[in-house]
Amino acid sequence: MTQFWAALTLQAGYNAALVAIGAALLGLAAGVAGSFVMLRKRSLVSDAVAHAALPGIVLAFMVMVALGGEGRSLLGLLLGAALSGGAGLLVMSWLTTRTRLAEDAAIGAVLGVFFGAGIVLLTVVQTMRAGRQAGLEDFLLGATAGMLREDAILIALGGAVVLALCWLLRRPMTLVAFDPGHAATLGYNTRAIDLAIMGLAMAVTIIGLKLVGLVLIVALLIIPPVAARFWTDRAGVMVWIAGGIGGAGAYLGAAISASAPDLPTGPVIVLVLAAGFALSMLLAPKRGIVRAAWRYLRLRRQFQQGA
């Protein structure tokens, strides 16, 4: 308990404090960006983008090693992930607009092909002399044990930039999410705004790979807005509630992980967010199960008294 309180109050060490702050900013950005993805009904696209990032990570490592580096630069690995994830996003967009494939089929195709290629490349890298200690498998489930100060700062700054962009683009993204036809009549380029929504989700996905991992990062984008939906009917309010849930859940999960070093940070953050979703589903005043049950019992009692 003492260790948990120290981690929660940022007194468990400099690196632990940086990880907690970076996780909170990432969770805040993920909750806000994920809200627009959910409202646009594109939640699974972020999952495909996350899996499509794996071959880019491995190829970036191979390129950096070939150029004489050690290949572990987080900035270089995230740049490779961004290029690969962006390619996956563009392929999905092309398949859904230029062919007769439904979006779910395009998502499945891109996810499977890119992730399969990434696993093959990861196996090849493990046979390299420099690849045996690369630690690239940490990007599958996330790991903060070997995170450097520069890595935590990069994650925090990336989350802050995504949050700022969400604030600047909030109105056109909200309009396109609810009524793309009306947005087009007002002169908005709905395709460009769609790509902006998915681009912000991709940015959160890439930034959070080291912290949460590509298998679980989609939960950071989806769970907070789904939980926030129980608390309000207004999109603008829901976005910031989702950001608050994401930031608080990521911060609390990072603190729990720091107090018990054997617990992986990413899965702990996801479990904390899942607990927040369960509480929202039960106790939210707008759509919570307890509130709905109480209304049902009250109406039933009134009906019986009237009869």
C-alpha atoms as a PDB file:
ATOM      1  CA  MET A   1       0.000   0.000   0.000  1.00  0.00           C
ATOM      2  CA  THR A   2       2.875   2.351   0.816  1.00  0.00           C
ATOM      3  CA  GLN A   3       4.485   1.673  -2.561  1.00  0.00           C
ATOM      4  CA  PHE A   4       1.175   2.269  -4.351  1.00  0.00           C
ATOM      5  CA  TRP A   5       0.641   5.598  -2.566  1.00  0.00           C
ATOM      6  CA  ALA A   6       4.197   6.651  -3.434  1.00  0.00           C
ATOM      7  CA  ALA A   7       3.582   5.795  -7.102  1.00  0.00           C
ATOM      8  CA  LEU A   8       0.210   7.554  -7.064  1.00  0.00           C
ATOM      9  CA  THR A   9       1.742  10.748  -5.658  1.00  0.00           C
ATOM     10  CA  LEU A  10       4.705  10.624  -8.078  1.00  0.00           C
ATOM     11  CA  GLN A  11       7.197   9.801  -5.332  1.00  0.00           C
ATOM     12  CA  ALA A  12       8.239   6.338  -6.539  1.00  0.00           C
ATOM     13  CA  GLY A  13      11.147   7.614  -8.587  1.00  0.00           C
ATOM     14  CA  TYR A  14      11.812   9.931 -11.482  1.00  0.00           C
ATOM     15  CA  ASN A  15      11.231   7.367 -14.236  1.00  0.00           C
ATOM     16  CA  ALA A  16       8.040   6.042 -12.603  1.00  0.00           C
ATOM     17  CA  ALA A  17       6.705   9.594 -12.371  1.00  0.00           C
ATOM     18  CA  LEU A  18       7.506  10.254 -16.037  1.00  0.00           C
ATOM     19  CA  VAL A  19       5.779   7.027 -17.090  1.00  0.00           C
ATOM     20  CA  ALA A  20       2.682   7.903 -15.035  1.00  0.00           C
ATOM     21  CA  ILE A  21       2.464  11.422 -16.476  1.00  0.00           C
ATOM     22  CA  GLY A  22       3.089  10.163 -19.999  1.00  0.00           C
ATOM     23  CA  ALA A  23       0.447   7.460 -19.567  1.00  0.00           C
ATOM     24  CA  ALA A  24      -2.071  10.019 -18.280  1.00  0.00           C
ATOM     25  CA  LEU A  25      -1.544  12.317 -21.278  1.00  0.00           C
ATOM     26  CA  LEU A  26      -1.721   9.355 -23.648  1.00  0.00           C
ATOM     27  CA  GLY A  27      -4.926   8.109 -21.995  1.00  0.00           C
ATOM     28  CA  LEU A  28      -6.472  11.590 -22.181  1.00  0.00           C
ATOM     29  CA  ALA A  29      -5.617  11.886 -25.881  1.00  0.00           C
ATOM     30  CA  ALA A  30      -6.823   8.328 -26.561  1.00  0.00           C
ATOM     31  CA  GLY A  31     -10.174   8.964 -24.882  1.00  0.00           C
ATOM     32  CA  VAL A  32     -10.757  12.167 -26.863  1.00  0.00           C
ATOM     33  CA  ALA A  33      -9.579  10.806 -30.233  1.00  0.00           C
ATOM     34  CA  GLY A  34     -11.366   7.508 -29.656  1.00  0.00           C
ATOM     35  CA  SER A  35     -14.648   9.350 -29.118  1.00  0.00           C
ATOM     36  CA  PHE A  36     -14.650  10.640 -32.702  1.00  0.00           C
ATOM     37  CA  VAL A  37     -13.681   7.188 -33.978  1.00  0.00           C
ATOM     38  CA  MET A  38     -16.569   5.620 -32.069  1.00  0.00           C
ATOM     39  CA  LEU A  39     -19.074   8.266 -33.180  1.00  0.00           C
ATOM     40  CA  ARG A  40     -17.972   7.645 -36.778  1.00  0.00           C
ATOM     41  CA  LYS A  41     -18.448   3.896 -36.196  1.00  0.00           C
ATOM     42  CA  ARG A  42     -14.854   3.093 -37.135  1.00  0.00           C
ATOM     43  CA  SER A  43     -13.615   1.546 -33.894  1.00  0.00           C
ATOM     44  CA  LEU A  44     -12.195  -1.602 -35.481  1.00  0.00           C
ATOM     45  CA  VAL A  45     -10.151   0.416 -37.968  1.00  0.00           C
ATOM     46  CA  SER A  46      -7.840   1.439 -35.136  1.00  0.00           C
ATOM     47  CA  ASP A  47      -7.268  -2.243 -34.330  1.00  0.00           C
ATOM     48  CA  ALA A  48      -6.207  -2.917 -37.913  1.00  0.00           C
ATOM     49  CA  VAL A  49      -3.884   0.114 -37.894  1.00  0.00           C
ATOM     50  CA  ALA A  50      -2.258  -1.113 -34.680  1.00  0.00           C
ATOM     51  CA  HIS A  51      -1.530  -4.532 -36.147  1.00  0.00           C
ATOM     52  CA  ALA A  52      -0.378  -2.966 -39.416  1.00  0.00           C
ATOM     53  CA  ALA A  53       2.309  -1.067 -37.489  1.00  0.00           C
ATOM     54  CA  LEU A  54       4.315  -4.208 -36.612  1.00  0.00           C
ATOM     55  CA  PRO A  55       6.160  -4.684 -39.945  1.00  0.00           C
ATOM     56  CA  GLY A  56       7.133  -1.008 -39.900  1.00  0.00           C
ATOM     57  CA  ILE A  57       8.679  -1.389 -36.450  1.00  0.00           C
ATOM     58  CA  VAL A  58      10.750  -4.381 -37.515  1.00  0.00           C
ATOM     59  CA  LEU A  59      11.822  -2.806 -40.819  1.00  0.00           C
ATOM     60  CA  ALA A  60      12.823   0.412 -39.029  1.00  0.00           C
ATOM     61  CA  PHE A  61      14.982  -1.633 -36.674  1.00  0.00           C
ATOM     62  CA  MET A  62      16.641  -3.425 -39.582  1.00  0.00           C
ATOM     63  CA  VAL A  63      17.319  -0.142 -41.403  1.00  0.00           C
ATOM     64  CA  MET A  64      18.836   1.489 -38.314  1.00  0.00           C
ATOM     65  CA  VAL A  65      21.069  -1.527 -37.701  1.00  0.00           C
ATOM     66  CA  ALA A  66      22.148  -1.542 -41.358  1.00  0.00           C
ATOM     67  CA  LEU A  67      23.115   2.147 -41.024  1.00  0.00           C
ATOM     68  CA  GLY A  68      25.351   1.352 -38.079  1.00  0.00           C
ATOM     69  CA  GLY A  69      23.002   2.154 -35.194  1.00  0.00           C
ATOM     70  CA  GLU A  70      21.806  -0.180 -32.472  1.00  0.00           C
ATOM     71  CA  GLY A  71      18.231  -0.005 -33.739  1.00  0.00           C
ATOM     72  CA  ARG A  72      16.558   0.732 -30.413  1.00  0.00           C
ATOM     73  CA  SER A  73      15.775   4.412 -30.945  1.00  0.00           C
ATOM     74  CA  LEU A  74      12.108   4.777 -29.974  1.00  0.00           C
ATOM     75  CA  LEU A  75      11.667   7.731 -32.326  1.00  0.00           C
ATOM     76  CA  GLY A  76      12.981   5.705 -35.259  1.00  0.00           C
ATOM     77  CA  LEU A  77      10.855   2.679 -34.393  1.00  0.00           C
ATOM     78  CA  LEU A  78       7.722   4.834 -34.031  1.00  0.00           C
ATOM     79  CA  LEU A  79       8.462   6.504 -37.364  1.00  0.00           C
ATOM     80  CA  GLY A  80       8.573   3.074 -38.991  1.00  0.00           C
ATOM     81  CA  ALA A  81       5.356   2.117 -37.223  1.00  0.00           C
ATOM     82  CA  ALA A  82       3.700   5.328 -38.439  1.00  0.00           C
ATOM     83  CA  LEU A  83       4.690   4.671 -42.051  1.00  0.00           C
ATOM     84  CA  SER A  84       3.483   1.074 -41.921  1.00  0.00           C
ATOM     85  CA  GLY A  85       0.274   1.941 -40.064  1.00  0.00           C
ATOM     86  CA  GLY A  86      -0.404   4.802 -42.481  1.00  0.00           C
ATOM     87  CA  ALA A  87       0.078   2.442 -45.409  1.00  0.00           C
ATOM     88  CA  GLY A  88      -2.407   0.035 -43.828  1.00  0.00           C
ATOM     89  CA  LEU A  89      -4.912   2.867 -43.337  1.00  0.00           C
ATOM     90  CA  LEU A  90      -4.572   3.980 -46.977  1.00  0.00           C
ATOM     91  CA  VAL A  91      -4.961   0.392 -48.228  1.00  0.00           C
ATOM     92  CA  MET A  92      -8.153  -0.001 -46.179  1.00  0.00           C
ATOM     93  CA  SER A  93      -9.487   3.299 -47.533  1.00  0.00           C
ATOM     94  CA  TRP A  94      -8.678   2.243 -51.101  1.00  0.00           C
ATOM     95  CA  LEU A  95     -10.278  -1.177 -50.702  1.00  0.00           C
ATOM     96  CA  THR A  96     -13.522   0.254 -49.319  1.00  0.00           C
ATOM     97  CA  THR A  97     -13.830   3.052 -51.895  1.00  0.00           C
ATOM     98  CA  ARG A  98     -12.436   1.416 -55.041  1.00  0.00           C
ATOM     99  CA  THR A  99     -13.643  -2.162 -54.694  1.00  0.00           C
ATOM    100  CA  ARG A 100     -16.837  -3.910 -53.659  1.00  0.00           C
ATOM    101  CA  LEU A 101     -15.348  -5.129 -50.392  1.00  0.00           C
ATOM    102  CA  ALA A 102     -17.238  -4.189 -47.248  1.00  0.00           C
ATOM    103  CA  GLU A 103     -15.294  -2.290 -44.591  1.00  0.00           C
ATOM    104  CA  ASP A 104     -15.134  -5.245 -42.196  1.00  0.00           C
ATOM    105  CA  ALA A 105     -13.640  -7.425 -44.937  1.00  0.00           C
ATOM    106  CA  ALA A 106     -11.051  -4.766 -45.768  1.00  0.00           C
ATOM    107  CA  ILE A 107     -10.160  -4.450 -42.082  1.00  0.00           C
ATOM    108  CA  GLY A 108      -9.725  -8.200 -41.758  1.00  0.00           C
ATOM    109  CA  ALA A 109      -7.580  -8.416 -44.875  1.00  0.00           C
ATOM    110  CA  VAL A 110      -5.258  -5.561 -43.899  1.00  0.00           C
ATOM    111  CA  LEU A 111      -4.976  -6.708 -40.291  1.00  0.00           C
ATOM    112  CA  GLY A 112      -4.136 -10.286 -41.209  1.00  0.00           C
ATOM    113  CA  VAL A 113      -1.685  -9.556 -44.019  1.00  0.00           C
ATOM    114  CA  PHE A 114       0.257  -6.783 -42.276  1.00  0.00           C
ATOM    115  CA  PHE A 115       0.403  -8.549 -38.912  1.00  0.00           C
ATOM    116  CA  GLY A 116       1.456 -11.812 -40.552  1.00  0.00           C
ATOM    117  CA  ALA A 117       4.230  -9.983 -42.406  1.00  0.00           C
ATOM    118  CA  GLY A 118       5.308  -8.385 -39.133  1.00  0.00           C
ATOM    119  CA  ILE A 119       5.537 -11.737 -37.348  1.00  0.00           C
ATOM    120  CA  VAL A 120       7.618 -13.183 -40.189  1.00  0.00           C
ATOM    121  CA  LEU A 121       9.989 -10.191 -40.109  1.00  0.00           C
ATOM    122  CA  LEU A 122      10.184 -10.410 -36.314  1.00  0.00           C
ATOM    123  CA  THR A 123      11.244 -14.055 -36.600  1.00  0.00           C
ATOM    124  CA  VAL A 124      13.892 -13.103 -39.154  1.00  0.00           C
ATOM    125  CA  VAL A 125      15.221 -10.323 -36.897  1.00  0.00           C
ATOM    126  CA  GLN A 126      15.635 -12.756 -33.990  1.00  0.00           C
ATOM    127  CA  THR A 127      18.165 -14.666 -36.077  1.00  0.00           C
ATOM    128  CA  MET A 128      20.291 -11.539 -36.477  1.00  0.00           C
ATOM    129  CA  ARG A 129      23.119 -10.956 -34.034  1.00  0.00           C
ATOM    130  CA  ALA A 130      21.790  -7.508 -33.120  1.00  0.00           C
ATOM    131  CA  GLY A 131      18.192  -8.681 -33.091  1.00  0.00           C
ATOM    132  CA  ARG A 132      18.413 -11.188 -30.251  1.00  0.00           C
ATOM    133  CA  GLN A 133      18.510  -8.429 -27.647  1.00  0.00           C
ATOM    134  CA  ALA A 134      16.382  -5.950 -29.573  1.00  0.00           C
ATOM    135  CA  GLY A 135      13.319  -6.326 -27.364  1.00  0.00           C
ATOM    136  CA  LEU A 136      10.949  -5.693 -30.281  1.00  0.00           C
ATOM    137  CA  GLU A 137       8.490  -8.212 -28.823  1.00  0.00           C
ATOM    138  CA  ASP A 138       7.811  -5.607 -26.113  1.00  0.00           C
ATOM    139  CA  PHE A 139       5.730  -3.739 -28.687  1.00  0.00           C
ATOM    140  CA  LEU A 140       3.212  -6.612 -28.734  1.00  0.00           C
ATOM    141  CA  LEU A 141       2.049  -6.166 -25.119  1.00  0.00           C
ATOM    142  CA  GLY A 142       3.965  -3.067 -24.056  1.00  0.00           C
ATOM    143  CA  ALA A 143       6.760  -2.718 -21.523  1.00  0.00           C
ATOM    144  CA  THR A 144       8.016   0.158 -19.384  1.00  0.00           C
ATOM    145  CA  ALA A 145      10.815  -1.610 -17.498  1.00  0.00           C
ATOM    146  CA  GLY A 146      13.440  -0.481 -19.976  1.00  0.00           C
ATOM    147  CA  MET A 147      11.821   2.835 -20.849  1.00  0.00           C
ATOM    148  CA  LEU A 148      14.206   5.767 -20.901  1.00  0.00           C
ATOM    149  CA  ARG A 149      13.521   9.334 -19.851  1.00  0.00           C
ATOM    150  CA  GLU A 150      13.488  10.388 -23.513  1.00  0.00           C
ATOM    151  CA  ASP A 151      10.927   7.681 -24.331  1.00  0.00           C
ATOM    152  CA  ALA A 152       8.518   8.842 -21.622  1.00  0.00           C
ATOM    153  CA  ILE A 153       8.874  12.473 -22.697  1.00  0.00           C
ATOM    154  CA  LEU A 154       8.224  11.493 -26.318  1.00  0.00           C
ATOM    155  CA  ILE A 155       5.021   9.665 -25.338  1.00  0.00           C
ATOM    156  CA  ALA A 156       3.847  12.611 -23.215  1.00  0.00           C
ATOM    157  CA  LEU A 157       4.561  15.180 -25.952  1.00  0.00           C
ATOM    158  CA  GLY A 158       2.893  13.004 -28.575  1.00  0.00           C
ATOM    159  CA  GLY A 159      -0.237  12.697 -26.449  1.00  0.00           C
ATOM    160  CA  ALA A 160      -0.305  16.477 -25.896  1.00  0.00           C
ATOM    161  CA  VAL A 161      -0.007  17.160 -29.652  1.00  0.00           C
ATOM    162  CA  VAL A 162      -2.849  14.740 -30.469  1.00  0.00           C
ATOM    163  CA  LEU A 163      -5.004  16.376 -27.797  1.00  0.00           C
ATOM    164  CA  ALA A 164      -4.333  19.835 -29.230  1.00  0.00           C
ATOM    165  CA  LEU A 165      -5.235  18.686 -32.753  1.00  0.00           C
ATOM    166  CA  CYS A 166      -8.465  17.116 -31.493  1.00  0.00           C
ATOM    167  CA  TRP A 167      -9.386  20.455 -29.915  1.00  0.00           C
ATOM    168  CA  LEU A 168      -8.684  22.376 -33.123  1.00  0.00           C
ATOM    169  CA  LEU A 169     -10.627  19.947 -35.341  1.00  0.00           C
ATOM    170  CA  ARG A 170     -13.421  19.089 -32.895  1.00  0.00           C
ATOM    171  CA  ARG A 171     -16.244  20.857 -34.772  1.00  0.00           C
ATOM    172  CA  PRO A 172     -15.722  19.461 -38.292  1.00  0.00           C
ATOM    173  CA  MET A 173     -14.978  15.991 -36.895  1.00  0.00           C
ATOM    174  CA  THR A 174     -18.156  16.034 -34.781  1.00  0.00           C
ATOM    175  CA  LEU A 175     -20.220  17.194 -37.748  1.00  0.00           C
ATOM    176  CA  VAL A 176     -18.835  14.523 -40.073  1.00  0.00           C
ATOM    177  CA  ALA A 177     -19.255  11.852 -37.371  1.00  0.00           C
ATOM    178  CA  PHE A 178     -22.988  12.575 -37.048  1.00  0.00           C
ATOM    179  CA  ASP A 179     -24.030  13.819 -40.500  1.00  0.00           C
ATOM    180  CA  PRO A 180     -21.430  13.576 -43.289  1.00  0.00           C
ATOM    181  CA  GLY A 181     -24.023  14.556 -45.897  1.00  0.00           C
ATOM    182  CA  HIS A 182     -24.797  17.852 -44.160  1.00  0.00           C
ATOM    183  CA  ALA A 183     -21.075  18.462 -43.654  1.00  0.00           C
ATOM    184  CA  ALA A 184     -20.520  18.064 -47.407  1.00  0.00           C
ATOM    185  CA  THR A 185     -23.239  20.623 -48.183  1.00  0.00           C
ATOM    186  CA  LEU A 186     -21.464  23.091 -45.894  1.00  0.00           C
ATOM    187  CA  GLY A 187     -18.303  22.725 -47.950  1.00  0.00           C
ATOM    188  CA  TYR A 188     -16.330  20.327 -45.758  1.00  0.00           C
ATOM    189  CA  ASN A 189     -14.172  17.704 -47.412  1.00  0.00           C
ATOM    190  CA  THR A 190     -15.635  14.691 -45.628  1.00  0.00           C
ATOM    191  CA  ARG A 191     -13.013  12.280 -46.960  1.00  0.00           C
ATOM    192  CA  ALA A 192     -10.188  14.476 -45.657  1.00  0.00           C
ATOM    193  CA  ILE A 193     -11.889  14.825 -42.267  1.00  0.00           C
ATOM    194  CA  ASP A 194     -12.462  11.058 -42.144  1.00  0.00           C
ATOM    195  CA  LEU A 195      -8.754  10.542 -42.748  1.00  0.00           C
ATOM    196  CA  ALA A 196      -7.996  13.148 -40.062  1.00  0.00           C
ATOM    197  CA  ILE A 197     -10.115  11.223 -37.530  1.00  0.00           C
ATOM    198  CA  MET A 198      -8.388   7.977 -38.367  1.00  0.00           C
ATOM    199  CA  GLY A 199      -5.009   9.725 -38.534  1.00  0.00           C
ATOM    200  CA  LEU A 200      -5.412  10.974 -34.954  1.00  0.00           C
ATOM    201  CA  ALA A 201      -6.423   7.493 -33.836  1.00  0.00           C
ATOM    202  CA  MET A 202      -3.381   6.131 -35.661  1.00  0.00           C
ATOM    203  CA  ALA A 203      -1.161   8.693 -33.911  1.00  0.00           C
ATOM    204  CA  VAL A 204      -2.433   7.550 -30.506  1.00  0.00           C
ATOM    205  CA  THR A 205      -1.906   3.942 -31.572  1.00  0.00           C
ATOM    206  CA  ILE A 206       1.692   4.557 -32.644  1.00  0.00           C
ATOM    207  CA  ILE A 207       2.587   6.673 -29.612  1.00  0.00           C
ATOM    208  CA  GLY A 208       1.152   4.126 -27.201  1.00  0.00           C
ATOM    209  CA  LEU A 209       2.822   1.038 -28.665  1.00  0.00           C
ATOM    210  CA  LYS A 210       5.715   1.079 -26.228  1.00  0.00           C
ATOM    211  CA  LEU A 211       3.462   1.684 -23.229  1.00  0.00           C
ATOM    212  CA  VAL A 212       0.427  -0.505 -23.942  1.00  0.00           C
ATOM    213  CA  GLY A 213       1.405  -2.621 -26.940  1.00  0.00           C
ATOM    214  CA  LEU A 214      -0.270  -3.057 -30.306  1.00  0.00           C
ATOM    215  CA  VAL A 215      -2.501  -5.896 -29.072  1.00  0.00           C
ATOM    216  CA  LEU A 216      -4.103  -3.789 -26.317  1.00  0.00           C
ATOM    217  CA  ILE A 217      -3.817  -0.204 -27.586  1.00  0.00           C
ATOM    218  CA  VAL A 218      -7.239  -0.448 -29.236  1.00  0.00           C
ATOM    219  CA  ALA A 219      -8.768  -0.836 -25.748  1.00  0.00           C
ATOM    220  CA  LEU A 220      -7.340   2.565 -24.805  1.00  0.00           C
ATOM    221  CA  LEU A 221      -9.184   4.086 -27.758  1.00  0.00           C
ATOM    222  CA  ILE A 222     -12.516   2.292 -27.353  1.00  0.00           C
ATOM    223  CA  ILE A 223     -13.211   1.702 -23.653  1.00  0.00           C
ATOM    224  CA  PRO A 224     -13.134   5.360 -22.437  1.00  0.00           C
ATOM    225  CA  PRO A 225     -15.679   6.706 -24.994  1.00  0.00           C
ATOM    226  CA  VAL A 226     -17.931   3.665 -24.521  1.00  0.00           C
ATOM    227  CA  ALA A 227     -17.877   4.251 -20.757  1.00  0.00           C
ATOM    228  CA  ALA A 228     -18.469   7.991 -21.227  1.00  0.00           C
ATOM    229  CA  ARG A 229     -21.540   7.287 -23.362  1.00  0.00           C
ATOM    230  CA  PHE A 230     -23.357   6.101 -20.237  1.00  0.00           C
ATOM    231  CA  TRP A 231     -22.936   9.510 -18.571  1.00  0.00           C
ATOM    232  CA  THR A 232     -24.285  11.940 -21.171  1.00  0.00           C
ATOM    233  CA  ASP A 233     -26.225  12.345 -24.416  1.00  0.00           C
ATOM    234  CA  ARG A 234     -24.171  15.333 -25.617  1.00  0.00           C
ATOM    235  CA  ALA A 235     -21.233  14.595 -27.909  1.00  0.00           C
ATOM    236  CA  GLY A 236     -19.145  17.554 -26.739  1.00  0.00           C
ATOM    237  CA  VAL A 237     -19.485  16.532 -23.100  1.00  0.00           C
ATOM    238  CA  MET A 238     -18.901  12.867 -23.904  1.00  0.00           C
ATOM    239  CA  VAL A 239     -15.564  13.643 -25.568  1.00  0.00           C
ATOM    240  CA  TRP A 240     -14.135  15.248 -22.433  1.00  0.00           C
ATOM    241  CA  ILE A 241     -15.615  12.650 -20.078  1.00  0.00           C
ATOM    242  CA  ALA A 242     -13.947  10.000 -22.225  1.00  0.00           C
ATOM    243  CA  GLY A 243     -10.689  11.910 -22.018  1.00  0.00           C
ATOM    244  CA  GLY A 244     -10.995  12.093 -18.241  1.00  0.00           C
ATOM    245  CA  ILE A 245     -11.718   8.371 -17.948  1.00  0.00           C
ATOM    246  CA  GLY A 246      -8.822   7.519 -20.255  1.00  0.00           C
ATOM    247  CA  GLY A 247      -6.366   9.802 -18.462  1.00  0.00           C
ATOM    248  CA  ALA A 248      -7.383   8.721 -14.965  1.00  0.00           C
ATOM    249  CA  GLY A 249      -7.410   5.017 -15.891  1.00  0.00           C
ATOM    250  CA  ALA A 250      -3.988   5.182 -17.548  1.00  0.00           C
ATOM    251  CA  TYR A 251      -2.496   7.121 -14.623  1.00  0.00           C
ATOM    252  CA  LEU A 252      -3.955   4.734 -12.041  1.00  0.00           C
ATOM    253  CA  GLY A 253      -2.865   1.692 -14.046  1.00  0.00           C
ATOM    254  CA  ALA A 254       0.672   3.034 -14.370  1.00  0.00           C
ATOM    255  CA  ALA A 255       0.768   3.693 -10.599  1.00  0.00           C
ATOM    256  CA  ILE A 256      -0.405   0.151  -9.823  1.00  0.00           C
ATOM    257  CA  SER A 257       2.189  -1.290 -12.193  1.00  0.00           C
ATOM    258  CA  ALA A 258       4.963   0.858 -10.673  1.00  0.00           C
ATOM    259  CA  SER A 259       4.067  -0.369  -7.174  1.00  0.00           C
ATOM    260  CA  ALA A 260       4.232  -4.007  -8.328  1.00  0.00           C
ATOM    261  CA  PRO A 261       7.066  -4.227 -10.890  1.00  0.00           C
ATOM    262  CA  ASP A 262       6.121  -7.763 -11.945  1.00  0.00           C
ATOM    263  CA  LEU A 263       2.802  -6.503 -13.331  1.00  0.00           C
ATOM    264  CA  PRO A 264       2.926  -5.332 -16.970  1.00  0.00           C
ATOM    265  CA  THR A 265       1.770  -1.747 -17.389  1.00  0.00           C
ATOM    266  CA  GLY A 266      -0.367  -2.133 -20.517  1.00  0.00           C
ATOM    267  CA  PRO A 267      -2.638  -4.961 -19.321  1.00  0.00           C
ATOM    268  CA  VAL A 268      -3.039  -3.279 -15.906  1.00  0.00           C
ATOM    269  CA  ILE A 269      -4.157  -0.033 -17.586  1.00  0.00           C
ATOM    270  CA  VAL A 270      -6.691  -1.946 -19.682  1.00  0.00           C
ATOM    271  CA  LEU A 271      -8.060  -3.736 -16.596  1.00  0.00           C
ATOM    272  CA  VAL A 272      -8.433  -0.422 -14.753  1.00  0.00           C
ATOM    273  CA  LEU A 273     -10.294   1.038 -17.732  1.00  0.00           C
ATOM    274  CA  ALA A 274     -12.503  -2.065 -17.848  1.00  0.00           C
ATOM    275  CA  ALA A 275     -13.363  -1.498 -14.179  1.00  0.00           C
ATOM    276  CA  GLY A 276     -14.250   2.105 -15.008  1.00  0.00           C
ATOM    277  CA  PHE A 277     -16.508   0.885 -17.806  1.00  0.00           C
ATOM    278  CA  ALA A 278     -18.254  -1.556 -15.448  1.00  0.00           C
ATOM    279  CA  LEU A 279     -18.849   1.188 -12.868  1.00  0.00           C
ATOM    280  CA  SER A 280     -20.184   3.528 -15.561  1.00  0.00           C
ATOM    281  CA  MET A 281     -22.506   0.839 -16.875  1.00  0.00           C
ATOM    282  CA  LEU A 282     -23.874   0.220 -13.372  1.00  0.00           C
ATOM    283  CA  LEU A 283     -23.926   3.654 -11.734  1.00  0.00           C
ATOM    284  CA  ALA A 284     -24.155   6.312 -14.459  1.00  0.00           C
ATOM    285  CA  PRO A 285     -27.196   8.567 -13.835  1.00  0.00           C
ATOM    286  CA  LYS A 286     -28.208   8.755 -17.506  1.00  0.00           C
ATOM    287  CA  ARG A 287     -28.008   5.181 -18.778  1.00  0.00           C
ATOM    288  CA  GLY A 288     -26.729   3.125 -15.859  1.00  0.00           C
ATOM    289  CA  ILE A 289     -28.300  -0.229 -15.041  1.00  0.00           C
ATOM    290  CA  VAL A 290     -29.074   0.779 -11.449  1.00  0.00           C
ATOM    291  CA  ARG A 291     -30.820   3.959 -12.590  1.00  0.00           C
ATOM    292  CA  ALA A 292     -32.782   2.079 -15.269  1.00  0.00           C
ATOM    293  CA  ALA A 293     -33.863  -0.577 -12.744  1.00  0.00           C
ATOM    294  CA  TRP A 294     -34.964   2.097 -10.276  1.00  0.00           C
ATOM    295  CA  ARG A 295     -37.054   3.842 -12.971  1.00  0.00           C
ATOM    296  CA  TYR A 296     -38.636   0.539 -13.956  1.00  0.00           C
ATOM    297  CA  LEU A 297     -39.580  -0.316 -10.375  1.00  0.00           C
ATOM    298  CA  ARG A 298     -40.994   3.177  -9.789  1.00  0.00           C
ATOM    299  CA  LEU A 299     -43.151   3.016 -12.930  1.00  0.00           C
ATOM    300  CA  ARG A 300     -44.308  -0.479 -12.022  1.00  0.00           C
ATOM    301  CA  ARG A 301     -45.299   0.714  -8.542  1.00  0.00           C
ATOM    302  CA  GLN A 302     -47.189   3.691  -9.986  1.00  0.00           C
ATOM    303  CA  PHE A 303     -49.013   1.425 -12.425  1.00  0.00           C
ATOM    304  CA  GLN A 304     -50.022  -0.976  -9.658  1.00  0.00           C
ATOM    305  CA  GLN A 305     -51.260   1.886  -7.476  1.00  0.00           C
ATOM    306  CA  GLY A 306     -53.247   3.345 -10.376  1.00  0.00           C
ATOM    307  CA  ALA A 307     -54.833  -0.026 -11.105  1.00  0.00           C
END
